[in-house]
N, C-alpha and C. Protein backbone atom coordinates (compact mmCIF):
# COMPACT_ATOMS: atom_id res chain seq x y z
N UNK A 1 4.38 9.32 10.50
CA UNK A 1 3.46 9.95 9.58
C UNK A 1 2.28 10.47 10.39
N UNK A 2 1.94 11.72 10.17
CA UNK A 2 0.78 12.32 10.84
C UNK A 2 -0.27 12.70 9.80
N UNK A 3 -1.49 12.34 10.10
CA UNK A 3 -2.61 12.63 9.21
C UNK A 3 -3.46 13.73 9.83
N UNK A 4 -3.99 14.59 8.96
CA UNK A 4 -4.87 15.67 9.40
C UNK A 4 -6.16 15.60 8.59
N UNK A 5 -7.24 16.07 9.20
CA UNK A 5 -8.51 16.19 8.48
C UNK A 5 -8.53 17.59 7.90
N UNK A 6 -8.61 17.66 6.57
CA UNK A 6 -8.51 18.93 5.85
C UNK A 6 -9.79 19.20 5.08
N UNK A 7 -10.08 20.52 4.96
CA UNK A 7 -11.29 20.89 4.22
C UNK A 7 -11.18 22.32 3.72
N UNK A 8 -11.89 22.59 2.66
CA UNK A 8 -11.94 23.94 2.09
C UNK A 8 -12.60 24.91 3.08
N UNK A 9 -13.66 24.44 3.71
CA UNK A 9 -14.41 25.22 4.70
C UNK A 9 -13.90 24.86 6.09
N UNK A 10 -13.60 25.84 6.94
CA UNK A 10 -13.03 25.53 8.26
C UNK A 10 -14.07 25.12 9.31
N UNK A 11 -14.93 24.16 8.97
CA UNK A 11 -15.96 23.68 9.91
C UNK A 11 -16.21 22.20 9.67
N UNK A 12 -16.54 21.50 10.77
CA UNK A 12 -16.80 20.06 10.68
C UNK A 12 -18.20 19.76 10.11
N UNK A 13 -19.16 20.64 10.34
CA UNK A 13 -20.52 20.35 9.91
C UNK A 13 -20.65 20.42 8.39
N UNK A 14 -21.48 19.55 7.86
CA UNK A 14 -21.74 19.53 6.43
C UNK A 14 -20.83 18.64 5.61
N UNK A 15 -19.93 17.91 6.25
CA UNK A 15 -19.06 17.00 5.50
C UNK A 15 -19.89 15.80 5.04
N UNK A 16 -19.87 15.54 3.74
CA UNK A 16 -20.60 14.40 3.20
C UNK A 16 -19.68 13.25 2.79
N UNK A 17 -18.42 13.59 2.43
CA UNK A 17 -17.47 12.57 1.99
C UNK A 17 -16.09 12.90 2.54
N UNK A 18 -15.32 11.85 2.83
CA UNK A 18 -13.92 11.99 3.20
C UNK A 18 -13.11 11.17 2.22
N UNK A 19 -12.14 11.83 1.58
CA UNK A 19 -11.25 11.17 0.64
C UNK A 19 -9.90 10.90 1.29
N UNK A 20 -9.30 9.77 0.97
CA UNK A 20 -7.94 9.46 1.42
C UNK A 20 -7.48 8.18 0.73
N UNK A 21 -6.17 7.96 0.77
CA UNK A 21 -5.63 6.68 0.34
C UNK A 21 -6.18 5.61 1.28
N UNK A 22 -6.37 4.40 0.80
CA UNK A 22 -6.94 3.32 1.61
C UNK A 22 -6.16 3.11 2.91
N UNK A 23 -4.84 3.22 2.84
CA UNK A 23 -4.02 3.03 4.04
C UNK A 23 -4.30 4.11 5.08
N UNK A 24 -4.45 5.36 4.64
CA UNK A 24 -4.75 6.45 5.57
C UNK A 24 -6.14 6.28 6.17
N UNK A 25 -7.10 5.83 5.36
CA UNK A 25 -8.44 5.57 5.91
C UNK A 25 -8.37 4.51 7.01
N UNK A 26 -7.58 3.47 6.77
CA UNK A 26 -7.43 2.40 7.77
C UNK A 26 -6.71 2.92 9.01
N UNK A 27 -5.70 3.76 8.83
CA UNK A 27 -4.92 4.27 9.96
C UNK A 27 -5.69 5.27 10.80
N UNK A 28 -6.79 5.83 10.26
CA UNK A 28 -7.59 6.82 10.97
C UNK A 28 -9.00 6.32 11.26
N UNK A 29 -9.23 5.04 11.09
CA UNK A 29 -10.55 4.43 11.19
C UNK A 29 -11.26 4.77 12.51
N UNK A 30 -10.62 4.55 13.62
CA UNK A 30 -11.27 4.79 14.92
C UNK A 30 -11.57 6.27 15.14
N UNK A 31 -10.64 7.14 14.75
CA UNK A 31 -10.87 8.57 14.90
C UNK A 31 -12.09 8.99 14.09
N UNK A 32 -12.18 8.51 12.86
CA UNK A 32 -13.32 8.83 12.01
C UNK A 32 -14.62 8.33 12.62
N UNK A 33 -14.60 7.12 13.17
CA UNK A 33 -15.80 6.57 13.82
C UNK A 33 -16.27 7.44 14.97
N UNK A 34 -15.34 7.96 15.74
CA UNK A 34 -15.68 8.76 16.93
C UNK A 34 -16.06 10.19 16.61
N UNK A 35 -15.53 10.74 15.52
CA UNK A 35 -15.65 12.17 15.30
C UNK A 35 -16.48 12.61 14.11
N UNK A 36 -16.88 11.69 13.27
CA UNK A 36 -17.72 12.04 12.13
C UNK A 36 -19.01 11.22 12.17
N UNK A 37 -20.11 11.80 11.69
CA UNK A 37 -21.36 11.04 11.65
C UNK A 37 -21.23 9.80 10.76
N UNK A 38 -22.01 8.79 11.07
CA UNK A 38 -21.94 7.51 10.36
C UNK A 38 -22.29 7.65 8.87
N UNK A 39 -23.07 8.65 8.50
CA UNK A 39 -23.48 8.79 7.09
C UNK A 39 -22.38 9.37 6.20
N UNK A 40 -21.29 9.85 6.77
CA UNK A 40 -20.21 10.42 5.97
C UNK A 40 -19.50 9.29 5.22
N UNK A 41 -19.51 9.40 3.90
CA UNK A 41 -18.94 8.36 3.05
C UNK A 41 -17.41 8.46 3.05
N UNK A 42 -16.75 7.33 3.15
CA UNK A 42 -15.29 7.27 3.09
C UNK A 42 -14.89 6.71 1.73
N UNK A 43 -14.12 7.49 1.00
CA UNK A 43 -13.80 7.13 -0.38
C UNK A 43 -12.29 7.00 -0.54
N UNK A 44 -11.87 5.83 -0.97
CA UNK A 44 -10.45 5.56 -1.21
C UNK A 44 -10.03 6.11 -2.57
N UNK A 45 -8.91 6.83 -2.58
CA UNK A 45 -8.36 7.38 -3.82
C UNK A 45 -6.88 6.99 -3.92
N UNK A 46 -6.25 7.33 -5.03
CA UNK A 46 -4.89 6.87 -5.31
C UNK A 46 -3.86 7.38 -4.31
N UNK A 47 -4.05 8.56 -3.76
CA UNK A 47 -3.08 9.12 -2.81
C UNK A 47 -3.76 10.15 -1.94
N UNK A 48 -3.11 10.51 -0.82
CA UNK A 48 -3.65 11.56 0.03
C UNK A 48 -3.55 12.92 -0.66
N UNK A 49 -2.57 13.11 -1.52
CA UNK A 49 -2.48 14.35 -2.29
C UNK A 49 -3.69 14.49 -3.22
N UNK A 50 -4.08 13.38 -3.84
CA UNK A 50 -5.28 13.38 -4.69
C UNK A 50 -6.51 13.68 -3.84
N UNK A 51 -6.57 13.14 -2.64
CA UNK A 51 -7.69 13.41 -1.73
C UNK A 51 -7.78 14.90 -1.43
N UNK A 52 -6.64 15.52 -1.15
CA UNK A 52 -6.63 16.96 -0.85
C UNK A 52 -7.07 17.77 -2.07
N UNK A 53 -6.63 17.38 -3.24
CA UNK A 53 -7.04 18.07 -4.46
C UNK A 53 -8.55 18.01 -4.64
N UNK A 54 -9.13 16.83 -4.40
CA UNK A 54 -10.58 16.67 -4.53
C UNK A 54 -11.32 17.50 -3.48
N UNK A 55 -10.81 17.52 -2.26
CA UNK A 55 -11.45 18.30 -1.19
C UNK A 55 -11.38 19.80 -1.49
N UNK A 56 -10.34 20.24 -2.16
CA UNK A 56 -10.21 21.65 -2.51
C UNK A 56 -11.24 22.07 -3.56
N UNK A 57 -11.75 21.10 -4.31
CA UNK A 57 -12.73 21.38 -5.36
C UNK A 57 -14.18 21.29 -4.90
N UNK A 58 -14.43 20.73 -3.72
CA UNK A 58 -15.80 20.47 -3.28
C UNK A 58 -15.94 20.78 -1.79
N UNK A 59 -16.73 21.77 -1.47
CA UNK A 59 -16.89 22.22 -0.07
C UNK A 59 -17.57 21.18 0.81
N UNK A 60 -18.23 20.20 0.23
CA UNK A 60 -18.89 19.15 1.02
C UNK A 60 -17.95 18.02 1.40
N UNK A 61 -16.72 18.10 0.93
CA UNK A 61 -15.77 17.01 1.13
C UNK A 61 -14.63 17.42 2.05
N UNK A 62 -14.03 16.40 2.66
CA UNK A 62 -12.83 16.58 3.46
C UNK A 62 -11.81 15.57 2.96
N UNK A 63 -10.58 15.75 3.40
CA UNK A 63 -9.51 14.83 3.00
C UNK A 63 -8.67 14.51 4.22
N UNK A 64 -8.09 13.33 4.19
CA UNK A 64 -7.06 12.97 5.16
C UNK A 64 -5.74 13.11 4.42
N UNK A 65 -4.89 13.99 4.93
CA UNK A 65 -3.60 14.21 4.27
C UNK A 65 -2.67 14.92 5.24
N UNK A 66 -1.47 15.16 4.80
CA UNK A 66 -0.46 15.80 5.62
C UNK A 66 -0.40 17.30 5.46
N UNK A 67 0.51 17.90 6.19
CA UNK A 67 0.68 19.35 6.21
C UNK A 67 0.99 19.91 4.82
N UNK A 68 1.84 19.24 4.07
CA UNK A 68 2.21 19.74 2.75
C UNK A 68 0.99 19.85 1.84
N UNK A 69 0.08 18.88 1.91
CA UNK A 69 -1.13 18.92 1.08
C UNK A 69 -2.05 20.05 1.53
N UNK A 70 -2.13 20.29 2.83
CA UNK A 70 -2.94 21.40 3.34
C UNK A 70 -2.45 22.72 2.77
N UNK A 71 -1.15 22.89 2.76
CA UNK A 71 -0.56 24.13 2.25
C UNK A 71 -0.72 24.22 0.73
N UNK A 72 -0.46 23.13 0.04
CA UNK A 72 -0.52 23.12 -1.43
C UNK A 72 -1.90 23.47 -1.95
N UNK A 73 -2.95 22.97 -1.28
CA UNK A 73 -4.31 23.17 -1.75
C UNK A 73 -5.09 24.18 -0.92
N UNK A 74 -4.41 24.90 -0.04
CA UNK A 74 -5.02 25.96 0.80
C UNK A 74 -6.24 25.43 1.56
N UNK A 75 -6.05 24.32 2.23
CA UNK A 75 -7.14 23.71 3.00
C UNK A 75 -7.00 24.02 4.48
N UNK A 76 -8.14 24.16 5.13
CA UNK A 76 -8.15 24.38 6.58
C UNK A 76 -7.91 23.04 7.27
N UNK A 77 -7.18 23.08 8.35
CA UNK A 77 -6.91 21.88 9.13
C UNK A 77 -7.96 21.80 10.23
N UNK A 78 -8.92 20.88 10.08
CA UNK A 78 -10.00 20.73 11.05
C UNK A 78 -9.56 19.96 12.29
N UNK A 79 -8.66 19.01 12.09
CA UNK A 79 -8.13 18.21 13.21
C UNK A 79 -6.74 17.74 12.84
N UNK A 80 -5.86 17.72 13.83
CA UNK A 80 -4.47 17.31 13.61
C UNK A 80 -4.21 15.94 14.19
N UNK A 81 -3.26 15.23 13.62
CA UNK A 81 -2.78 13.95 14.14
C UNK A 81 -3.93 13.00 14.45
N UNK A 82 -4.74 12.73 13.44
CA UNK A 82 -5.94 11.91 13.66
C UNK A 82 -5.68 10.42 13.49
N UNK A 83 -4.43 10.03 13.26
CA UNK A 83 -4.11 8.61 13.13
C UNK A 83 -4.38 7.91 14.45
N UNK A 84 -4.87 6.68 14.39
CA UNK A 84 -5.21 5.91 15.58
C UNK A 84 -3.98 5.50 16.37
N UNK A 85 -2.88 5.28 15.71
CA UNK A 85 -1.63 4.87 16.36
C UNK A 85 -0.63 6.02 16.25
N UNK A 86 -0.27 6.65 17.37
CA UNK A 86 0.62 7.82 17.30
C UNK A 86 2.02 7.50 16.79
N UNK A 87 2.47 6.25 16.88
CA UNK A 87 3.79 5.88 16.39
C UNK A 87 3.73 5.28 14.99
N UNK A 88 2.72 5.64 14.25
CA UNK A 88 2.46 5.21 12.90
C UNK A 88 3.67 5.53 12.01
N UNK A 89 4.09 4.56 11.20
CA UNK A 89 5.22 4.78 10.29
C UNK A 89 4.85 4.30 8.89
N UNK A 90 5.57 4.80 7.92
CA UNK A 90 5.41 4.37 6.54
C UNK A 90 6.78 3.93 6.02
N UNK A 91 6.79 2.85 5.28
CA UNK A 91 8.04 2.31 4.73
C UNK A 91 8.21 2.80 3.31
N UNK A 92 9.41 3.27 3.01
CA UNK A 92 9.75 3.67 1.66
C UNK A 92 10.91 2.81 1.19
N UNK A 93 10.90 2.44 -0.07
CA UNK A 93 11.99 1.66 -0.63
C UNK A 93 12.68 2.46 -1.72
N UNK A 94 13.97 2.30 -1.81
CA UNK A 94 14.73 2.91 -2.88
C UNK A 94 15.16 1.77 -3.81
N UNK A 95 14.73 1.86 -5.05
CA UNK A 95 15.07 0.84 -6.02
C UNK A 95 16.29 1.31 -6.83
N UNK A 96 17.21 0.42 -7.04
CA UNK A 96 18.42 0.75 -7.79
C UNK A 96 18.81 -0.39 -8.69
N UNK A 97 19.95 -0.25 -9.34
CA UNK A 97 20.41 -1.27 -10.28
C UNK A 97 21.51 -2.15 -9.71
N UNK A 98 22.07 -1.80 -8.58
CA UNK A 98 23.16 -2.59 -8.02
C UNK A 98 22.62 -3.77 -7.22
N UNK A 99 23.34 -4.85 -7.29
CA UNK A 99 22.98 -6.08 -6.56
C UNK A 99 23.40 -5.91 -5.09
N UNK A 100 22.54 -6.32 -4.19
CA UNK A 100 22.85 -6.27 -2.77
C UNK A 100 23.12 -7.71 -2.31
N UNK A 101 24.25 -7.93 -1.70
CA UNK A 101 24.62 -9.27 -1.24
C UNK A 101 23.81 -9.73 -0.06
N UNK A 102 23.93 -11.02 0.24
CA UNK A 102 23.20 -11.60 1.36
C UNK A 102 23.70 -11.08 2.70
N UNK A 103 22.75 -10.94 3.63
CA UNK A 103 23.07 -10.64 5.02
C UNK A 103 22.42 -11.73 5.86
N UNK A 104 22.46 -11.59 7.15
CA UNK A 104 21.86 -12.60 8.02
C UNK A 104 20.34 -12.61 7.93
N UNK A 105 19.73 -11.45 7.65
CA UNK A 105 18.26 -11.38 7.57
C UNK A 105 17.88 -10.49 6.40
N UNK A 106 17.46 -11.12 5.31
CA UNK A 106 17.10 -10.38 4.11
C UNK A 106 15.62 -10.57 3.78
N UNK A 107 15.16 -9.69 2.89
CA UNK A 107 13.86 -9.84 2.25
C UNK A 107 14.09 -9.77 0.76
N UNK A 108 13.23 -10.43 0.02
CA UNK A 108 13.22 -10.33 -1.43
C UNK A 108 11.83 -9.87 -1.84
N UNK A 109 11.77 -8.90 -2.74
CA UNK A 109 10.49 -8.40 -3.25
C UNK A 109 10.38 -8.75 -4.73
N UNK A 110 9.20 -9.25 -5.11
CA UNK A 110 8.96 -9.63 -6.50
C UNK A 110 7.59 -9.13 -6.95
N UNK A 111 7.41 -9.10 -8.26
CA UNK A 111 6.11 -8.86 -8.88
C UNK A 111 5.81 -10.08 -9.73
N UNK A 112 4.58 -10.57 -9.63
CA UNK A 112 4.16 -11.76 -10.37
C UNK A 112 2.82 -11.48 -11.02
N UNK A 113 2.63 -11.97 -12.21
CA UNK A 113 1.35 -11.88 -12.89
C UNK A 113 0.86 -13.29 -13.14
N UNK A 114 -0.42 -13.47 -12.98
CA UNK A 114 -1.00 -14.80 -13.22
C UNK A 114 -2.25 -14.65 -14.07
N UNK A 115 -2.56 -15.65 -14.88
CA UNK A 115 -3.78 -15.58 -15.69
C UNK A 115 -5.01 -15.59 -14.79
N UNK A 116 -6.07 -14.95 -15.25
CA UNK A 116 -7.31 -14.89 -14.50
C UNK A 116 -8.07 -16.19 -14.69
N UNK A 117 -7.85 -17.11 -13.75
CA UNK A 117 -8.55 -18.40 -13.80
C UNK A 117 -8.65 -18.95 -12.39
N UNK A 118 -9.59 -19.84 -12.13
CA UNK A 118 -9.72 -20.42 -10.80
C UNK A 118 -8.42 -21.10 -10.37
N UNK A 119 -8.02 -20.89 -9.16
CA UNK A 119 -6.82 -21.52 -8.61
C UNK A 119 -5.53 -20.80 -8.91
N UNK A 120 -5.60 -19.63 -9.55
CA UNK A 120 -4.38 -18.92 -9.95
C UNK A 120 -3.54 -18.52 -8.72
N UNK A 121 -4.18 -18.02 -7.68
CA UNK A 121 -3.43 -17.61 -6.49
C UNK A 121 -2.84 -18.84 -5.80
N UNK A 122 -3.59 -19.91 -5.75
CA UNK A 122 -3.07 -21.16 -5.17
C UNK A 122 -1.82 -21.61 -5.92
N UNK A 123 -1.87 -21.49 -7.24
CA UNK A 123 -0.73 -21.87 -8.06
C UNK A 123 0.50 -21.01 -7.76
N UNK A 124 0.26 -19.74 -7.43
CA UNK A 124 1.38 -18.85 -7.06
C UNK A 124 2.00 -19.25 -5.73
N UNK A 125 1.17 -19.67 -4.81
CA UNK A 125 1.64 -19.96 -3.46
C UNK A 125 2.32 -21.32 -3.34
N UNK A 126 1.96 -22.24 -4.21
CA UNK A 126 2.51 -23.61 -4.13
C UNK A 126 4.04 -23.67 -4.15
N UNK A 127 4.73 -23.02 -5.09
CA UNK A 127 6.20 -23.11 -5.09
C UNK A 127 6.83 -22.49 -3.85
N UNK A 128 6.19 -21.47 -3.30
CA UNK A 128 6.71 -20.86 -2.08
C UNK A 128 6.59 -21.83 -0.91
N UNK A 129 5.44 -22.43 -0.76
CA UNK A 129 5.22 -23.39 0.34
C UNK A 129 6.12 -24.61 0.17
N UNK A 130 6.22 -25.11 -1.04
CA UNK A 130 7.03 -26.31 -1.28
C UNK A 130 8.51 -26.10 -0.97
N UNK A 131 8.96 -24.85 -1.03
CA UNK A 131 10.37 -24.55 -0.77
C UNK A 131 10.60 -23.87 0.58
N UNK A 132 9.57 -23.89 1.42
CA UNK A 132 9.71 -23.34 2.77
C UNK A 132 9.96 -21.85 2.81
N UNK A 133 9.39 -21.11 1.85
CA UNK A 133 9.57 -19.66 1.80
C UNK A 133 8.43 -19.00 2.57
N UNK A 134 8.78 -18.12 3.48
CA UNK A 134 7.79 -17.39 4.27
C UNK A 134 7.54 -16.02 3.65
N UNK A 135 6.27 -15.73 3.39
CA UNK A 135 5.90 -14.43 2.84
C UNK A 135 5.66 -13.45 3.99
N UNK A 136 6.04 -12.21 3.78
CA UNK A 136 5.73 -11.15 4.75
C UNK A 136 4.71 -10.17 4.17
N UNK A 137 4.47 -10.27 2.85
CA UNK A 137 3.49 -9.41 2.21
C UNK A 137 3.00 -10.10 0.94
N UNK A 138 1.69 -9.98 0.69
CA UNK A 138 1.09 -10.49 -0.54
C UNK A 138 -0.02 -9.50 -0.88
N UNK A 139 0.18 -8.73 -1.93
CA UNK A 139 -0.75 -7.66 -2.26
C UNK A 139 -1.06 -7.70 -3.74
N UNK A 140 -2.32 -7.52 -4.08
CA UNK A 140 -2.70 -7.51 -5.49
C UNK A 140 -3.01 -6.09 -5.94
N UNK A 141 -2.76 -5.84 -7.21
CA UNK A 141 -3.08 -4.57 -7.84
C UNK A 141 -3.60 -4.87 -9.24
N UNK A 142 -4.58 -4.10 -9.71
CA UNK A 142 -5.07 -4.31 -11.08
C UNK A 142 -3.94 -4.12 -12.09
N UNK A 143 -3.93 -4.96 -13.09
CA UNK A 143 -2.94 -4.87 -14.16
C UNK A 143 -3.47 -3.94 -15.24
N UNK A 144 -2.58 -3.35 -15.97
CA UNK A 144 -3.01 -2.51 -17.10
C UNK A 144 -3.29 -3.35 -18.33
N UNK A 145 -3.03 -4.65 -18.24
CA UNK A 145 -3.18 -5.54 -19.39
C UNK A 145 -4.63 -5.75 -19.79
N UNK A 146 -5.54 -5.74 -18.83
CA UNK A 146 -6.94 -5.97 -19.17
C UNK A 146 -7.80 -6.05 -17.93
N UNK A 147 -9.09 -6.02 -18.15
CA UNK A 147 -10.05 -6.10 -17.07
C UNK A 147 -9.91 -7.42 -16.32
N UNK A 148 -9.88 -7.37 -15.03
CA UNK A 148 -9.78 -8.52 -14.13
C UNK A 148 -8.41 -9.21 -14.17
N UNK A 149 -7.41 -8.56 -14.74
CA UNK A 149 -6.05 -9.07 -14.68
C UNK A 149 -5.33 -8.36 -13.54
N UNK A 150 -4.56 -9.12 -12.78
CA UNK A 150 -3.89 -8.55 -11.61
C UNK A 150 -2.41 -8.91 -11.60
N UNK A 151 -1.63 -8.06 -10.95
CA UNK A 151 -0.25 -8.38 -10.62
C UNK A 151 -0.20 -8.48 -9.10
N UNK A 152 0.74 -9.27 -8.62
CA UNK A 152 0.88 -9.50 -7.19
C UNK A 152 2.26 -9.07 -6.73
N UNK A 153 2.31 -8.29 -5.68
CA UNK A 153 3.57 -7.88 -5.06
C UNK A 153 3.78 -8.80 -3.87
N UNK A 154 4.91 -9.47 -3.84
CA UNK A 154 5.19 -10.43 -2.79
C UNK A 154 6.54 -10.09 -2.15
N UNK A 155 6.55 -10.00 -0.82
CA UNK A 155 7.79 -9.88 -0.06
C UNK A 155 8.01 -11.21 0.63
N UNK A 156 9.23 -11.71 0.57
CA UNK A 156 9.57 -13.01 1.15
C UNK A 156 10.77 -12.85 2.08
N UNK A 157 10.82 -13.67 3.11
CA UNK A 157 11.98 -13.69 3.99
C UNK A 157 13.10 -14.45 3.29
N UNK A 158 14.28 -13.82 3.19
CA UNK A 158 15.43 -14.46 2.57
C UNK A 158 15.90 -13.71 1.33
N UNK A 159 17.05 -14.09 0.85
CA UNK A 159 17.67 -13.46 -0.32
C UNK A 159 17.35 -14.28 -1.56
N UNK A 160 17.09 -13.61 -2.69
CA UNK A 160 16.69 -14.33 -3.91
C UNK A 160 17.76 -15.29 -4.41
N UNK A 161 19.00 -15.13 -3.98
CA UNK A 161 20.03 -16.07 -4.42
C UNK A 161 20.15 -17.29 -3.52
N UNK A 162 19.44 -17.31 -2.40
CA UNK A 162 19.47 -18.50 -1.53
C UNK A 162 18.76 -19.64 -2.24
N UNK A 163 19.15 -20.86 -1.91
CA UNK A 163 18.63 -22.04 -2.62
C UNK A 163 17.11 -22.13 -2.62
N UNK A 164 16.49 -21.95 -1.43
CA UNK A 164 15.04 -22.15 -1.37
C UNK A 164 14.27 -21.09 -2.15
N UNK A 165 14.71 -19.85 -2.10
CA UNK A 165 14.00 -18.81 -2.85
C UNK A 165 14.29 -18.95 -4.34
N UNK A 166 15.50 -19.27 -4.71
CA UNK A 166 15.82 -19.49 -6.13
C UNK A 166 14.95 -20.59 -6.71
N UNK A 167 14.75 -21.66 -5.96
CA UNK A 167 13.89 -22.77 -6.43
C UNK A 167 12.44 -22.32 -6.52
N UNK A 168 11.98 -21.55 -5.53
CA UNK A 168 10.61 -21.04 -5.56
C UNK A 168 10.40 -20.13 -6.76
N UNK A 169 11.37 -19.27 -7.05
CA UNK A 169 11.26 -18.38 -8.21
C UNK A 169 11.23 -19.17 -9.51
N UNK A 170 12.02 -20.23 -9.58
CA UNK A 170 12.00 -21.09 -10.77
C UNK A 170 10.61 -21.70 -10.94
N UNK A 171 10.03 -22.18 -9.84
CA UNK A 171 8.67 -22.75 -9.88
C UNK A 171 7.63 -21.72 -10.28
N UNK A 172 7.77 -20.49 -9.77
CA UNK A 172 6.84 -19.43 -10.17
C UNK A 172 6.96 -19.14 -11.66
N UNK A 173 8.18 -19.11 -12.16
CA UNK A 173 8.40 -18.84 -13.58
C UNK A 173 7.75 -19.86 -14.49
N UNK A 174 7.62 -21.09 -14.00
CA UNK A 174 7.00 -22.15 -14.79
C UNK A 174 5.48 -22.07 -14.76
N UNK A 175 4.92 -21.35 -13.78
CA UNK A 175 3.46 -21.31 -13.59
C UNK A 175 2.81 -20.00 -13.99
N UNK A 176 3.60 -18.95 -14.12
CA UNK A 176 3.02 -17.63 -14.32
C UNK A 176 3.46 -17.04 -15.65
N UNK A 177 2.77 -15.98 -16.03
CA UNK A 177 3.12 -15.31 -17.28
C UNK A 177 4.22 -14.28 -17.08
N UNK A 178 4.49 -13.89 -15.83
CA UNK A 178 5.48 -12.85 -15.59
C UNK A 178 5.98 -12.91 -14.15
N UNK A 179 7.31 -12.93 -13.97
CA UNK A 179 7.93 -12.84 -12.64
C UNK A 179 9.08 -11.85 -12.75
N UNK A 180 9.09 -10.86 -11.90
CA UNK A 180 10.17 -9.87 -11.88
C UNK A 180 10.68 -9.74 -10.45
N UNK A 181 11.97 -10.00 -10.26
CA UNK A 181 12.58 -9.79 -8.95
C UNK A 181 12.94 -8.32 -8.84
N UNK A 182 12.30 -7.63 -7.89
CA UNK A 182 12.62 -6.22 -7.67
C UNK A 182 13.96 -6.09 -6.95
N UNK A 183 14.25 -7.07 -6.10
CA UNK A 183 15.53 -7.05 -5.44
C UNK A 183 15.48 -7.68 -4.07
N UNK A 184 16.65 -7.79 -3.46
CA UNK A 184 16.79 -8.30 -2.10
C UNK A 184 17.51 -7.23 -1.29
N UNK A 185 17.20 -7.19 -0.01
CA UNK A 185 17.73 -6.13 0.84
C UNK A 185 17.64 -6.58 2.30
N UNK A 186 18.44 -5.98 3.17
CA UNK A 186 18.34 -6.32 4.59
C UNK A 186 16.95 -5.98 5.13
N UNK A 187 16.40 -6.83 6.01
CA UNK A 187 15.06 -6.60 6.54
C UNK A 187 14.92 -5.29 7.27
N UNK A 188 15.92 -4.89 8.01
CA UNK A 188 15.85 -3.63 8.74
C UNK A 188 17.24 -3.02 8.79
N UNK A 189 17.29 -1.73 8.59
CA UNK A 189 18.58 -1.05 8.66
C UNK A 189 18.61 -0.05 9.81
N UNK A 190 17.52 0.07 10.53
CA UNK A 190 17.45 1.00 11.66
C UNK A 190 17.68 0.29 12.97
């Protein structure tokens, strides 16, 4: 994935805000520190496409986005390949309805919702720890259910049908208001 600094005006001076997805801001952090004044505000938005759309509407703003967004919104490319790590990659998942059998190295992805109360995250982690399940990702997102309600995306090492993960999922089901297994898949196919 390559990120570019895009703007309606083809000049670096006068930029007051830079829009991008939080991940793109993190992936370009050092470049931004070196090449933009400290007063330039960095604003996280839902996607880099949204960032480009916002930059196209405001001459004081820039966006971090790819070539397609530059073309779509007729933005000037002020700098190319501004990501800090040149071998930067993004993972995409394809969700389907068919069950994938166990392999030697699998991951299971789930979504969990917990009530907003002290110790809720600890309660989520307890069944995983008790069953020796190793997490590779734990991410929260606001829920549409209400203010301060969150859902958690969890990736775990192993297949959801293995004994330890099945037991952990059972424990999660007893403690949470919602558990959804997105699926299990081989850890790497490349």
